[in-house]
Amino acid sequence: MRPLQISADTALKLAEKLNVPLEQLMHMPQHILMQKLAELAKKDGASE
């Protein structure tokens, strides 16, 4: 499996928001990353 094709800045910001180590984020399957981003967006939307 290839690492995610995202910039270093984006990877750092995502790792911080999702509270996961950077290395784990880069090797996370894309469908799981999208699921976590959807959960994060839902949580952020509910708090606003």
PDB file of N, CA and C in Angstrom:
ATOM      1  N   MET A   1       0.848  -1.167   0.000  1.00  0.00           N
ATOM      2  CA  MET A   1       0.000   0.000   0.000  1.00  0.00           C
ATOM      3  C   MET A   1       0.902   1.241   0.000  1.00  0.00           C
ATOM      4  N   ARG A   2       0.563   2.215  -0.848  1.00  0.00           N
ATOM      5  CA  ARG A   2       1.334   3.447  -0.930  1.00  0.00           C
ATOM      6  C   ARG A   2       0.941   4.403   0.186  1.00  0.00           C
ATOM      7  N   PRO A   3       1.897   5.226   0.638  1.00  0.00           N
ATOM      8  CA  PRO A   3       1.522   6.283   1.580  1.00  0.00           C
ATOM      9  C   PRO A   3       0.567   7.261   0.910  1.00  0.00           C
ATOM     10  N   LEU A   4      -0.186   7.983   1.707  1.00  0.00           N
ATOM     11  CA  LEU A   4      -1.132   8.962   1.171  1.00  0.00           C
ATOM     12  C   LEU A   4      -0.394  10.028   0.379  1.00  0.00           C
ATOM     13  N   GLN A   5      -1.004  10.512  -0.666  1.00  0.00           N
ATOM     14  CA  GLN A   5      -0.416  11.543  -1.509  1.00  0.00           C
ATOM     15  C   GLN A   5      -0.916  12.917  -1.064  1.00  0.00           C
ATOM     16  N   ILE A   6      -0.436  13.364   0.101  1.00  0.00           N
ATOM     17  CA  ILE A   6      -0.817  14.670   0.627  1.00  0.00           C
ATOM     18  C   ILE A   6       0.451  15.422   1.001  1.00  0.00           C
ATOM     19  N   SER A   7       0.340  16.740   1.085  1.00  0.00           N
ATOM     20  CA  SER A   7       1.512  17.547   1.411  1.00  0.00           C
ATOM     21  C   SER A   7       1.898  17.365   2.879  1.00  0.00           C
ATOM     22  N   ALA A   8       3.125  17.741   3.201  1.00  0.00           N
ATOM     23  CA  ALA A   8       3.616  17.615   4.568  1.00  0.00           C
ATOM     24  C   ALA A   8       2.808  18.492   5.518  1.00  0.00           C
ATOM     25  N   ASP A   9       2.470  19.708   5.085  1.00  0.00           N
ATOM     26  CA  ASP A   9       1.679  20.596   5.937  1.00  0.00           C
ATOM     27  C   ASP A   9       0.304  20.004   6.224  1.00  0.00           C
ATOM     28  N   THR A  10      -0.324  19.474   5.193  1.00  0.00           N
ATOM     29  CA  THR A  10      -1.641  18.859   5.358  1.00  0.00           C
ATOM     30  C   THR A  10      -1.553  17.659   6.292  1.00  0.00           C
ATOM     31  N   ALA A  11      -0.526  16.850   6.138  1.00  0.00           N
ATOM     32  CA  ALA A  11      -0.356  15.673   6.985  1.00  0.00           C
ATOM     33  C   ALA A  11      -0.178  16.076   8.440  1.00  0.00           C
ATOM     34  N   LEU A  12       0.613  17.091   8.708  1.00  0.00           N
ATOM     35  CA  LEU A  12       0.818  17.544  10.085  1.00  0.00           C
ATOM     36  C   LEU A  12      -0.479  18.050  10.705  1.00  0.00           C
ATOM     37  N   LYS A  13      -1.239  18.831   9.944  1.00  0.00           N
ATOM     38  CA  LYS A  13      -2.500  19.363  10.454  1.00  0.00           C
ATOM     39  C   LYS A  13      -3.505  18.250  10.716  1.00  0.00           C
ATOM     40  N   LEU A  14      -3.591  17.287   9.802  1.00  0.00           N
ATOM     41  CA  LEU A  14      -4.525  16.165   9.994  1.00  0.00           C
ATOM     42  C   LEU A  14      -4.136  15.317  11.191  1.00  0.00           C
ATOM     43  N   ALA A  15      -2.855  15.038  11.341  1.00  0.00           N
ATOM     44  CA  ALA A  15      -2.394  14.226  12.470  1.00  0.00           C
ATOM     45  C   ALA A  15      -2.740  14.910  13.783  1.00  0.00           C
ATOM     46  N   GLU A  16      -2.578  16.226  13.831  1.00  0.00           N
ATOM     47  CA  GLU A  16      -2.898  16.975  15.039  1.00  0.00           C
ATOM     48  C   GLU A  16      -4.403  16.947  15.323  1.00  0.00           C
ATOM     49  N   LYS A  17      -5.220  17.182  14.292  1.00  0.00           N
ATOM     50  CA  LYS A  17      -6.679  17.202  14.469  1.00  0.00           C
ATOM     51  C   LYS A  17      -7.226  15.835  14.865  1.00  0.00           C
ATOM     52  N   LEU A  18      -6.681  14.773  14.261  1.00  0.00           N
ATOM     53  CA  LEU A  18      -7.196  13.425  14.504  1.00  0.00           C
ATOM     54  C   LEU A  18      -6.539  12.742  15.700  1.00  0.00           C
ATOM     55  N   ASN A  19      -5.534  13.410  16.294  1.00  0.00           N
ATOM     56  CA  ASN A  19      -4.804  12.854  17.440  1.00  0.00           C
ATOM     57  C   ASN A  19      -4.196  11.485  17.144  1.00  0.00           C
ATOM     58  N   VAL A  20      -3.540  11.380  15.980  1.00  0.00           N
ATOM     59  CA  VAL A  20      -2.830  10.152  15.619  1.00  0.00           C
ATOM     60  C   VAL A  20      -1.389  10.527  15.258  1.00  0.00           C
ATOM     61  N   PRO A  21      -0.449   9.604  15.459  1.00  0.00           N
ATOM     62  CA  PRO A  21       0.934   9.882  15.059  1.00  0.00           C
ATOM     63  C   PRO A  21       1.023  10.083  13.543  1.00  0.00           C
ATOM     64  N   LEU A  22       1.943  10.929  13.123  1.00  0.00           N
ATOM     65  CA  LEU A  22       2.098  11.250  11.707  1.00  0.00           C
ATOM     66  C   LEU A  22       2.357  10.001  10.865  1.00  0.00           C
ATOM     67  N   GLU A  23       3.219   9.115  11.352  1.00  0.00           N
ATOM     68  CA  GLU A  23       3.532   7.894  10.602  1.00  0.00           C
ATOM     69  C   GLU A  23       2.290   7.033  10.412  1.00  0.00           C
ATOM     70  N   GLN A  24       1.481   6.929  11.458  1.00  0.00           N
ATOM     71  CA  GLN A  24       0.241   6.142  11.356  1.00  0.00           C
ATOM     72  C   GLN A  24      -0.711   6.772  10.350  1.00  0.00           C
ATOM     73  N   LEU A  25      -0.794   8.096  10.357  1.00  0.00           N
ATOM     74  CA  LEU A  25      -1.671   8.794   9.417  1.00  0.00           C
ATOM     75  C   LEU A  25      -1.248   8.532   7.972  1.00  0.00           C
ATOM     76  N   MET A  26       0.050   8.585   7.711  1.00  0.00           N
ATOM     77  CA  MET A  26       0.541   8.435   6.340  1.00  0.00           C
ATOM     78  C   MET A  26       0.303   7.027   5.792  1.00  0.00           C
ATOM     79  N   HIS A  27       0.204   6.040   6.666  1.00  0.00           N
ATOM     80  CA  HIS A  27      -0.015   4.668   6.209  1.00  0.00           C
ATOM     81  C   HIS A  27      -1.438   4.186   6.444  1.00  0.00           C
ATOM     82  N   MET A  28      -2.315   5.119   6.821  1.00  0.00           N
ATOM     83  CA  MET A  28      -3.721   4.785   7.057  1.00  0.00           C
ATOM     84  C   MET A  28      -4.408   4.568   5.703  1.00  0.00           C
ATOM     85  N   PRO A  29      -5.208   3.509   5.567  1.00  0.00           N
ATOM     86  CA  PRO A  29      -5.956   3.328   4.318  1.00  0.00           C
ATOM     87  C   PRO A  29      -6.860   4.533   4.063  1.00  0.00           C
ATOM     88  N   GLN A  30      -6.998   4.891   2.795  1.00  0.00           N
ATOM     89  CA  GLN A  30      -7.724   6.102   2.439  1.00  0.00           C
ATOM     90  C   GLN A  30      -9.174   6.063   2.908  1.00  0.00           C
ATOM     91  N   HIS A  31      -9.833   4.906   2.837  1.00  0.00           N
ATOM     92  CA  HIS A  31     -11.237   4.851   3.238  1.00  0.00           C
ATOM     93  C   HIS A  31     -11.399   5.083   4.744  1.00  0.00           C
ATOM     94  N   ILE A  32     -10.431   4.658   5.540  1.00  0.00           N
ATOM     95  CA  ILE A  32     -10.502   4.896   6.979  1.00  0.00           C
ATOM     96  C   ILE A  32     -10.248   6.368   7.276  1.00  0.00           C
ATOM     97  N   LEU A  33      -9.299   6.972   6.572  1.00  0.00           N
ATOM     98  CA  LEU A  33      -9.036   8.400   6.741  1.00  0.00           C
ATOM     99  C   LEU A  33     -10.275   9.214   6.394  1.00  0.00           C
ATOM    100  N   MET A  34     -10.950   8.878   5.315  1.00  0.00           N
ATOM    101  CA  MET A  34     -12.153   9.609   4.926  1.00  0.00           C
ATOM    102  C   MET A  34     -13.251   9.449   5.981  1.00  0.00           C
ATOM    103  N   GLN A  35     -13.366   8.271   6.562  1.00  0.00           N
ATOM    104  CA  GLN A  35     -14.356   8.039   7.622  1.00  0.00           C
ATOM    105  C   GLN A  35     -14.042   8.902   8.841  1.00  0.00           C
ATOM    106  N   LYS A  36     -12.762   8.970   9.224  1.00  0.00           N
ATOM    107  CA  LYS A  36     -12.367   9.783  10.377  1.00  0.00           C
ATOM    108  C   LYS A  36     -12.589  11.271  10.103  1.00  0.00           C
ATOM    109  N   LEU A  37     -12.331  11.701   8.871  1.00  0.00           N
ATOM    110  CA  LEU A  37     -12.562  13.100   8.521  1.00  0.00           C
ATOM    111  C   LEU A  37     -14.051  13.432   8.559  1.00  0.00           C
ATOM    112  N   ALA A  38     -14.875  12.506   8.130  1.00  0.00           N
ATOM    113  CA  ALA A  38     -16.324  12.730   8.181  1.00  0.00           C
ATOM    114  C   ALA A  38     -16.797  12.844   9.625  1.00  0.00           C
ATOM    115  N   GLU A  39     -16.279  11.991  10.500  1.00  0.00           N
ATOM    116  CA  GLU A  39     -16.638  12.062  11.919  1.00  0.00           C
ATOM    117  C   GLU A  39     -16.179  13.390  12.516  1.00  0.00           C
ATOM    118  N   LEU A  40     -14.975  13.828  12.156  1.00  0.00           N
ATOM    119  CA  LEU A  40     -14.447  15.097  12.654  1.00  0.00           C
ATOM    120  C   LEU A  40     -15.298  16.265  12.166  1.00  0.00           C
ATOM    121  N   ALA A  41     -15.706  16.236  10.910  1.00  0.00           N
ATOM    122  CA  ALA A  41     -16.531  17.307  10.352  1.00  0.00           C
ATOM    123  C   ALA A  41     -17.896  17.321  11.037  1.00  0.00           C
ATOM    124  N   LYS A  42     -18.449  16.154  11.299  1.00  0.00           N
ATOM    125  CA  LYS A  42     -19.750  16.093  11.968  1.00  0.00           C
ATOM    126  C   LYS A  42     -19.647  16.650  13.379  1.00  0.00           C
ATOM    127  N   LYS A  43     -18.550  16.310  14.081  1.00  0.00           N
ATOM    128  CA  LYS A  43     -18.348  16.792  15.438  1.00  0.00           C
ATOM    129  C   LYS A  43     -18.140  18.310  15.442  1.00  0.00           C
ATOM    130  N   ASP A  44     -17.363  18.830  14.503  1.00  0.00           N
ATOM    131  CA  ASP A  44     -17.142  20.270  14.403  1.00  0.00           C
ATOM    132  C   ASP A  44     -18.428  20.998  14.035  1.00  0.00           C
ATOM    133  N   GLY A  45     -19.235  20.418  13.180  1.00  0.00           N
ATOM    134  CA  GLY A  45     -20.496  21.021  12.780  1.00  0.00           C
ATOM    135  C   GLY A  45     -21.484  21.074  13.934  1.00  0.00           C
ATOM    136  N   ALA A  46     -21.465  20.051  14.780  1.00  0.00           N
ATOM    137  CA  ALA A  46     -22.388  20.019  15.904  1.00  0.00           C
ATOM    138  C   ALA A  46     -21.991  21.017  16.985  1.00  0.00           C
ATOM    139  N   SER A  47     -20.694  21.310  17.087  1.00  0.00           N
ATOM    140  CA  SER A  47     -20.251  22.224  18.128  1.00  0.00           C
ATOM    141  C   SER A  47     -20.436  23.691  17.762  1.00  0.00           C
ATOM    142  N   GLU A  48     -20.690  23.981  16.508  1.00  0.00           N
ATOM    143  CA  GLU A  48     -20.853  25.374  16.082  1.00  0.00           C
ATOM    144  C   GLU A  48     -22.243  25.901  16.329  1.00  0.00           C
TER     145      GLU A  48
END
